[in-house]
Amino acid sequence: MKHKLSLIAFTALTSLAAQAADWSDTSLTYRHGSKFAEPYEGNDISKNVVGLSHVSGYKYGSNFFNVDMLMSNSKDPASAGSKEGAREVYVVYRNTVDLEKATGKSFKAAGVRGLGVTAGFDFNTKTDAGYNSKKEMWVAGPTLMLDVPGFLNVSLLALAESNAPSTATLVAKRYNYDTHYMLGLVWGTPFSLGSVPLSFEGFANFIGAKGKNEFGGDTKAETLIDMQVMYDMSSAFGAGKNTFKAGLEYQYWKNKFGNDANGAAGSGAFAKTPMIRAEYHF
């Protein structure tokens, strides 16, 4: 029954995504940092992250899709004793229906551009020496679109998350956490320093505790903030605006995946990661 409901939800989301796009932006991204962290493993893990992102607008709203391939060094090993690093694929999809476009009724107010309803999913698969995550998460809730330069969207989402890890001590059936909340912000603001075109972009997720984990321990509320300042260097290559961008990114992640950074998961549950970032938009 659960798989049938998931299929119905996925079909509904992809049918919305199939609407003809009014506008779209697709990009390849590359990130590198040497201060990543993983619960129970510690800090100072180097990762190369290659991503594909797509955002588009259609008659009734917008779509966002991102897939990252995260490649760790041997401090996050692929298996016990391995000199090869872990490999992970993480996928995010969100569809936001703009209620003004869908109903014809304006929801504008002081400081508010509009109101929407967001739904989507996350999933990942990781091969490592410990947890071997197989996360599935469905999300839904209202979104407030604030009237600022660029954009700032604030969503309050319900999260239905599960995992089916394989560890040295556990080969789990899919385990369902308690339904919990996420207050999520997404923003993009262009600005300039003199004649230098820049943008401040990112997201912040404040995630409630999700009950007991697979091992019977308590989970903790998470804070994940990922932000970057990007330089539009397209003119140096004779390309159109926002084709080539490069900049600096910073990720702050406390109680990563709901693990207590002050508990057994240790400092690896508290990541503070500077990165370099490059993007090619097409």
Foldseek 3Di string as FASTA:
>chain_A
DVVVVVVVVVVVVVVVVPADFPDKKKKKKWKWWQFAFAFPLGTRKIKIKIKIWMKTAHQFFIKIKMKIKIAIAPSFALAVPDRGHKIKIKIWIKTKGFVCSVPVDAPDDVFFRGKTKMWIWMFMAMGTHAWGWTKIKIKIFMKTWTPDAFTKIWTKIWIWMWIQTDGPVDRGDIGTFATWIKTKMWGKHWDDDVPWTKIKTWMKIWIQWGAADPVRDTFGIKIKTKIWMKTFPQVVVVHDTPQKIKTKMWIWIASAPRNHCPDNSHVSRTTTIIMIMIMGMD
